[in-house]
Amino acid sequence: MRLERTIPILRMFDVEKAREFYLGYLGFSLDFEHRFHEGAPLFMGISRDGLPLFLSEHHGDGTPGTHVRIDVIGIDQLHAELAKKNYKYMNPGIVEQDWGQRELRVYDPFGNQIAFSEAIAG
């Protein structure tokens, strides 16, 4: 047996707000969208740099307020990229944590928290 990867499923309640935040602001790409029929809840897959996330309108898929940590290399570049976008709902900074990580935290429109984390060199 071999475990391959984890793909978080985050709950969303507004597709346009999700697209604005994840695709526009965070720079993820849309991989797929799925509905069982017209008018059904949307399930979508997005990714950036090979890192996948799933977003779902389905009841029971994810809980609002979920906290996801994403390890990164180059957190300063990510911070600069996000700052250039002048996203009117957020302007995150980098915080040096006591446990040896630098973190950039963002909150999506549905209360989910994403902490981009990079180990402090040393």
N, C-alpha and C. Protein backbone atom coordinates (compact mmCIF):
# COMPACT_ATOMS: atom_id res chain seq x y z
N MET A 1 0.83 -1.18 0.00
CA MET A 1 0.00 0.00 0.00
C MET A 1 0.87 1.24 0.00
N ARG A 2 0.36 2.29 -0.62
CA ARG A 2 1.06 3.57 -0.64
C ARG A 2 0.02 4.69 -0.66
N LEU A 3 0.13 5.62 0.26
CA LEU A 3 -0.75 6.79 0.26
C LEU A 3 -0.18 7.80 -0.71
N GLU A 4 -1.05 8.38 -1.54
CA GLU A 4 -0.60 9.26 -2.61
C GLU A 4 -0.66 10.74 -2.26
N ARG A 5 -1.84 11.24 -1.92
CA ARG A 5 -2.00 12.68 -1.66
C ARG A 5 -3.33 12.93 -0.98
N THR A 6 -3.48 14.11 -0.46
CA THR A 6 -4.72 14.57 0.13
C THR A 6 -5.25 15.72 -0.70
N ILE A 7 -6.54 15.72 -0.97
CA ILE A 7 -7.17 16.85 -1.67
C ILE A 7 -8.29 17.38 -0.78
N PRO A 8 -8.07 18.53 -0.15
CA PRO A 8 -9.13 19.11 0.68
C PRO A 8 -10.35 19.47 -0.15
N ILE A 9 -11.52 19.27 0.43
CA ILE A 9 -12.78 19.71 -0.17
C ILE A 9 -13.29 20.86 0.69
N LEU A 10 -13.37 22.04 0.11
CA LEU A 10 -13.82 23.22 0.82
C LEU A 10 -15.22 23.60 0.37
N ARG A 11 -16.05 23.92 1.31
CA ARG A 11 -17.44 24.30 1.01
C ARG A 11 -17.49 25.71 0.46
N MET A 12 -18.31 25.90 -0.54
CA MET A 12 -18.56 27.23 -1.11
C MET A 12 -20.06 27.43 -1.23
N PHE A 13 -20.47 28.68 -1.21
CA PHE A 13 -21.90 29.01 -1.29
C PHE A 13 -22.23 29.93 -2.45
N ASP A 14 -21.23 30.44 -3.14
CA ASP A 14 -21.43 31.37 -4.25
C ASP A 14 -20.32 31.12 -5.26
N VAL A 15 -20.69 30.60 -6.41
CA VAL A 15 -19.70 30.21 -7.42
C VAL A 15 -18.89 31.41 -7.90
N GLU A 16 -19.53 32.53 -8.16
CA GLU A 16 -18.80 33.70 -8.66
C GLU A 16 -17.81 34.22 -7.64
N LYS A 17 -18.20 34.26 -6.37
CA LYS A 17 -17.25 34.69 -5.33
C LYS A 17 -16.09 33.70 -5.21
N ALA A 18 -16.39 32.43 -5.34
CA ALA A 18 -15.32 31.41 -5.29
C ALA A 18 -14.35 31.61 -6.45
N ARG A 19 -14.86 31.84 -7.63
CA ARG A 19 -14.00 32.07 -8.80
C ARG A 19 -13.15 33.33 -8.61
N GLU A 20 -13.77 34.40 -8.13
CA GLU A 20 -13.04 35.65 -7.91
C GLU A 20 -11.89 35.43 -6.93
N PHE A 21 -12.14 34.71 -5.83
CA PHE A 21 -11.13 34.51 -4.81
C PHE A 21 -10.06 33.51 -5.24
N TYR A 22 -10.47 32.32 -5.62
CA TYR A 22 -9.51 31.26 -5.89
C TYR A 22 -8.81 31.40 -7.25
N LEU A 23 -9.56 31.74 -8.28
CA LEU A 23 -8.96 31.86 -9.61
C LEU A 23 -8.35 33.25 -9.81
N GLY A 24 -9.11 34.28 -9.49
CA GLY A 24 -8.63 35.65 -9.70
C GLY A 24 -7.56 36.07 -8.72
N TYR A 25 -7.86 35.95 -7.42
CA TYR A 25 -6.94 36.45 -6.40
C TYR A 25 -5.77 35.50 -6.11
N LEU A 26 -6.08 34.24 -5.81
CA LEU A 26 -5.01 33.30 -5.45
C LEU A 26 -4.28 32.70 -6.65
N GLY A 27 -4.82 32.85 -7.84
CA GLY A 27 -4.11 32.40 -9.05
C GLY A 27 -4.22 30.91 -9.35
N PHE A 28 -5.23 30.24 -8.79
CA PHE A 28 -5.45 28.83 -9.14
C PHE A 28 -6.06 28.76 -10.53
N SER A 29 -5.95 27.60 -11.16
CA SER A 29 -6.56 27.35 -12.47
C SER A 29 -7.73 26.39 -12.30
N LEU A 30 -8.73 26.56 -13.13
CA LEU A 30 -9.88 25.66 -13.13
C LEU A 30 -9.52 24.38 -13.85
N ASP A 31 -9.68 23.24 -13.18
CA ASP A 31 -9.40 21.94 -13.80
C ASP A 31 -10.67 21.30 -14.34
N PHE A 32 -11.76 21.38 -13.58
CA PHE A 32 -13.03 20.81 -14.04
C PHE A 32 -14.18 21.38 -13.20
N GLU A 33 -15.38 21.27 -13.76
CA GLU A 33 -16.63 21.57 -13.06
C GLU A 33 -17.58 20.42 -13.31
N HIS A 34 -18.38 20.07 -12.29
CA HIS A 34 -19.34 18.98 -12.45
C HIS A 34 -20.64 19.30 -11.73
N ARG A 35 -21.74 19.07 -12.44
CA ARG A 35 -23.09 19.12 -11.86
C ARG A 35 -23.79 17.85 -12.31
N PHE A 36 -24.56 17.24 -11.42
CA PHE A 36 -25.31 16.04 -11.80
C PHE A 36 -26.41 16.35 -12.81
N HIS A 37 -26.95 17.56 -12.76
CA HIS A 37 -27.95 18.03 -13.71
C HIS A 37 -28.04 19.55 -13.59
N GLU A 38 -28.69 20.19 -14.55
CA GLU A 38 -28.84 21.64 -14.52
C GLU A 38 -29.53 22.05 -13.23
N GLY A 39 -28.96 23.03 -12.56
CA GLY A 39 -29.52 23.50 -11.30
C GLY A 39 -29.00 22.77 -10.07
N ALA A 40 -28.24 21.70 -10.28
CA ALA A 40 -27.66 20.96 -9.15
C ALA A 40 -26.46 21.73 -8.60
N PRO A 41 -26.05 21.44 -7.37
CA PRO A 41 -24.87 22.09 -6.81
C PRO A 41 -23.63 21.82 -7.65
N LEU A 42 -22.72 22.77 -7.65
CA LEU A 42 -21.48 22.66 -8.42
C LEU A 42 -20.38 22.04 -7.57
N PHE A 43 -19.61 21.16 -8.20
CA PHE A 43 -18.38 20.60 -7.63
C PHE A 43 -17.28 20.95 -8.61
N MET A 44 -16.23 21.62 -8.14
CA MET A 44 -15.17 22.03 -9.07
C MET A 44 -13.80 21.68 -8.52
N GLY A 45 -12.90 21.40 -9.44
CA GLY A 45 -11.51 21.13 -9.10
C GLY A 45 -10.65 22.26 -9.60
N ILE A 46 -9.75 22.74 -8.73
CA ILE A 46 -8.82 23.81 -9.10
C ILE A 46 -7.42 23.36 -8.69
N SER A 47 -6.40 24.00 -9.25
CA SER A 47 -5.04 23.66 -8.87
C SER A 47 -4.10 24.82 -9.17
N ARG A 48 -2.97 24.76 -8.47
CA ARG A 48 -1.89 25.71 -8.72
C ARG A 48 -0.59 24.98 -8.42
N ASP A 49 0.33 25.04 -9.34
CA ASP A 49 1.64 24.38 -9.17
C ASP A 49 1.51 22.91 -8.80
N GLY A 50 0.52 22.24 -9.35
CA GLY A 50 0.32 20.82 -9.08
C GLY A 50 -0.43 20.53 -7.79
N LEU A 51 -0.80 21.56 -7.03
CA LEU A 51 -1.54 21.38 -5.78
C LEU A 51 -3.04 21.49 -6.05
N PRO A 52 -3.80 20.39 -5.88
CA PRO A 52 -5.24 20.45 -6.14
C PRO A 52 -6.05 20.82 -4.91
N LEU A 53 -7.17 21.49 -5.15
CA LEU A 53 -8.21 21.73 -4.15
C LEU A 53 -9.55 21.46 -4.82
N PHE A 54 -10.49 20.95 -4.07
CA PHE A 54 -11.86 20.81 -4.55
C PHE A 54 -12.72 21.82 -3.82
N LEU A 55 -13.67 22.41 -4.55
CA LEU A 55 -14.65 23.33 -4.00
C LEU A 55 -16.02 22.77 -4.29
N SER A 56 -16.91 22.79 -3.30
CA SER A 56 -18.20 22.14 -3.48
C SER A 56 -19.34 22.95 -2.88
N GLU A 57 -20.45 23.00 -3.62
CA GLU A 57 -21.70 23.55 -3.10
C GLU A 57 -22.56 22.48 -2.44
N HIS A 58 -22.16 21.23 -2.52
CA HIS A 58 -22.96 20.12 -1.99
C HIS A 58 -23.01 20.14 -0.47
N HIS A 59 -24.20 19.99 0.08
CA HIS A 59 -24.37 19.87 1.53
C HIS A 59 -23.60 18.64 1.99
N GLY A 60 -22.80 18.79 3.04
CA GLY A 60 -22.03 17.67 3.54
C GLY A 60 -20.62 17.59 3.00
N ASP A 61 -20.31 18.32 1.95
CA ASP A 61 -18.95 18.37 1.42
C ASP A 61 -18.22 19.53 2.07
N GLY A 62 -17.41 19.25 3.03
CA GLY A 62 -16.67 20.29 3.72
C GLY A 62 -17.55 21.05 4.70
N THR A 63 -16.90 21.71 5.62
CA THR A 63 -17.58 22.50 6.64
C THR A 63 -17.04 23.92 6.58
N PRO A 64 -17.90 24.91 6.54
CA PRO A 64 -17.39 26.28 6.55
C PRO A 64 -16.49 26.48 7.78
N GLY A 65 -15.39 27.19 7.58
CA GLY A 65 -14.46 27.42 8.67
C GLY A 65 -13.31 26.43 8.69
N THR A 66 -13.19 25.61 7.66
CA THR A 66 -12.10 24.65 7.58
C THR A 66 -10.76 25.39 7.48
N HIS A 67 -9.74 24.83 8.10
CA HIS A 67 -8.40 25.41 8.08
C HIS A 67 -7.50 24.45 7.29
N VAL A 68 -6.89 24.96 6.23
CA VAL A 68 -6.00 24.18 5.39
C VAL A 68 -4.62 24.84 5.42
N ARG A 69 -3.58 24.04 5.61
CA ARG A 69 -2.21 24.54 5.56
C ARG A 69 -1.57 24.05 4.27
N ILE A 70 -0.91 24.97 3.57
CA ILE A 70 -0.22 24.63 2.33
C ILE A 70 1.24 25.03 2.49
N ASP A 71 2.14 24.06 2.46
CA ASP A 71 3.56 24.34 2.52
C ASP A 71 4.01 24.95 1.20
N VAL A 72 4.79 26.01 1.28
CA VAL A 72 5.26 26.71 0.09
C VAL A 72 6.77 26.96 0.18
N ILE A 73 7.36 27.17 -0.97
CA ILE A 73 8.72 27.68 -1.07
C ILE A 73 8.59 28.98 -1.84
N GLY A 74 9.02 30.07 -1.24
CA GLY A 74 8.90 31.37 -1.90
C GLY A 74 7.72 32.17 -1.40
N ILE A 75 7.51 32.19 -0.10
CA ILE A 75 6.35 32.89 0.46
C ILE A 75 6.41 34.39 0.20
N ASP A 76 7.62 34.95 0.13
CA ASP A 76 7.74 36.39 -0.16
C ASP A 76 7.24 36.71 -1.56
N GLN A 77 7.51 35.82 -2.51
CA GLN A 77 7.02 36.03 -3.88
C GLN A 77 5.49 35.93 -3.93
N LEU A 78 4.94 34.98 -3.20
CA LEU A 78 3.48 34.86 -3.14
C LEU A 78 2.88 36.11 -2.53
N HIS A 79 3.47 36.59 -1.46
CA HIS A 79 2.97 37.81 -0.80
C HIS A 79 3.00 38.99 -1.78
N ALA A 80 4.10 39.16 -2.49
CA ALA A 80 4.21 40.25 -3.46
C ALA A 80 3.17 40.12 -4.57
N GLU A 81 2.96 38.91 -5.04
CA GLU A 81 1.97 38.66 -6.09
C GLU A 81 0.57 39.06 -5.63
N LEU A 82 0.20 38.63 -4.42
CA LEU A 82 -1.14 38.95 -3.90
C LEU A 82 -1.29 40.45 -3.64
N ALA A 83 -0.24 41.10 -3.14
CA ALA A 83 -0.30 42.53 -2.85
C ALA A 83 -0.55 43.35 -4.12
N LYS A 84 0.01 42.92 -5.24
CA LYS A 84 -0.17 43.63 -6.51
C LYS A 84 -1.61 43.62 -7.00
N LYS A 85 -2.38 42.64 -6.56
CA LYS A 85 -3.74 42.48 -7.07
C LYS A 85 -4.73 43.44 -6.43
N ASN A 86 -4.35 44.11 -5.34
CA ASN A 86 -5.25 45.07 -4.68
C ASN A 86 -6.65 44.50 -4.45
N TYR A 87 -6.70 43.27 -3.95
CA TYR A 87 -7.97 42.62 -3.65
C TYR A 87 -8.66 43.39 -2.53
N LYS A 88 -9.85 43.89 -2.79
CA LYS A 88 -10.48 44.81 -1.85
C LYS A 88 -10.93 44.17 -0.54
N TYR A 89 -10.96 42.85 -0.47
CA TYR A 89 -11.45 42.19 0.75
C TYR A 89 -10.32 41.72 1.67
N MET A 90 -9.06 41.84 1.24
CA MET A 90 -7.99 41.28 2.05
C MET A 90 -6.63 41.84 1.63
N ASN A 91 -5.77 42.04 2.62
CA ASN A 91 -4.39 42.46 2.37
C ASN A 91 -3.51 41.76 3.41
N PRO A 92 -3.26 40.45 3.23
CA PRO A 92 -2.55 39.69 4.27
C PRO A 92 -1.06 40.02 4.34
N GLY A 93 -0.51 39.83 5.51
CA GLY A 93 0.93 39.96 5.72
C GLY A 93 1.53 38.61 6.06
N ILE A 94 2.83 38.59 6.22
CA ILE A 94 3.54 37.38 6.61
C ILE A 94 3.86 37.48 8.10
N VAL A 95 3.52 36.43 8.83
CA VAL A 95 3.76 36.39 10.28
C VAL A 95 4.76 35.28 10.57
N GLU A 96 5.78 35.62 11.36
CA GLU A 96 6.76 34.62 11.79
C GLU A 96 6.24 33.94 13.05
N GLN A 97 6.01 32.63 12.95
CA GLN A 97 5.44 31.88 14.07
C GLN A 97 6.54 31.31 14.96
N ASP A 98 6.21 31.09 16.22
CA ASP A 98 7.17 30.55 17.20
C ASP A 98 7.66 29.16 16.83
N TRP A 99 6.89 28.42 16.06
CA TRP A 99 7.25 27.03 15.74
C TRP A 99 8.11 26.91 14.49
N GLY A 100 8.73 28.02 14.06
CA GLY A 100 9.70 27.95 12.97
C GLY A 100 9.12 28.05 11.58
N GLN A 101 7.97 28.68 11.45
CA GLN A 101 7.33 28.86 10.14
C GLN A 101 7.00 30.33 9.93
N ARG A 102 7.01 30.74 8.67
CA ARG A 102 6.48 32.04 8.27
C ARG A 102 5.17 31.75 7.56
N GLU A 103 4.11 32.43 7.96
CA GLU A 103 2.78 32.14 7.41
C GLU A 103 2.12 33.38 6.81
N LEU A 104 1.42 33.11 5.73
CA LEU A 104 0.57 34.09 5.08
C LEU A 104 -0.83 33.48 5.09
N ARG A 105 -1.74 34.06 5.85
CA ARG A 105 -3.09 33.49 5.98
C ARG A 105 -4.10 34.30 5.20
N VAL A 106 -4.95 33.57 4.49
CA VAL A 106 -6.06 34.19 3.78
C VAL A 106 -7.35 33.47 4.18
N TYR A 107 -8.45 34.17 4.04
CA TYR A 107 -9.77 33.64 4.39
C TYR A 107 -10.67 33.80 3.18
N ASP A 108 -11.25 32.70 2.73
CA ASP A 108 -12.11 32.79 1.56
C ASP A 108 -13.47 33.38 1.95
N PRO A 109 -14.32 33.70 0.98
CA PRO A 109 -15.60 34.33 1.28
C PRO A 109 -16.56 33.45 2.09
N PHE A 110 -16.19 32.20 2.35
CA PHE A 110 -17.08 31.26 3.03
C PHE A 110 -16.56 30.86 4.40
N GLY A 111 -15.53 31.58 4.87
CA GLY A 111 -14.99 31.34 6.20
C GLY A 111 -13.89 30.31 6.28
N ASN A 112 -13.48 29.75 5.16
CA ASN A 112 -12.37 28.80 5.16
C ASN A 112 -11.06 29.57 5.25
N GLN A 113 -10.10 29.03 6.00
CA GLN A 113 -8.81 29.66 6.22
C GLN A 113 -7.72 28.84 5.52
N ILE A 114 -6.88 29.52 4.76
CA ILE A 114 -5.76 28.88 4.11
C ILE A 114 -4.49 29.54 4.62
N ALA A 115 -3.62 28.74 5.23
CA ALA A 115 -2.35 29.24 5.73
C ALA A 115 -1.24 28.72 4.83
N PHE A 116 -0.66 29.63 4.06
CA PHE A 116 0.52 29.31 3.26
C PHE A 116 1.71 29.40 4.20
N SER A 117 2.49 28.34 4.30
CA SER A 117 3.51 28.24 5.34
C SER A 117 4.87 27.85 4.74
N GLU A 118 5.90 28.55 5.18
CA GLU A 118 7.25 28.25 4.73
C GLU A 118 8.16 28.14 5.95
N ALA A 119 9.01 27.12 5.98
CA ALA A 119 9.95 26.93 7.08
C ALA A 119 10.96 28.08 7.10
N ILE A 120 11.30 28.53 8.30
CA ILE A 120 12.32 29.56 8.46
C ILE A 120 13.68 28.89 8.31
N ALA A 121 14.49 29.43 7.42
CA ALA A 121 15.82 28.86 7.18
C ALA A 121 16.68 29.04 8.42
N GLY A 122 17.47 28.05 8.70
CA GLY A 122 18.37 28.22 9.82
C GLY A 122 18.67 26.99 10.46
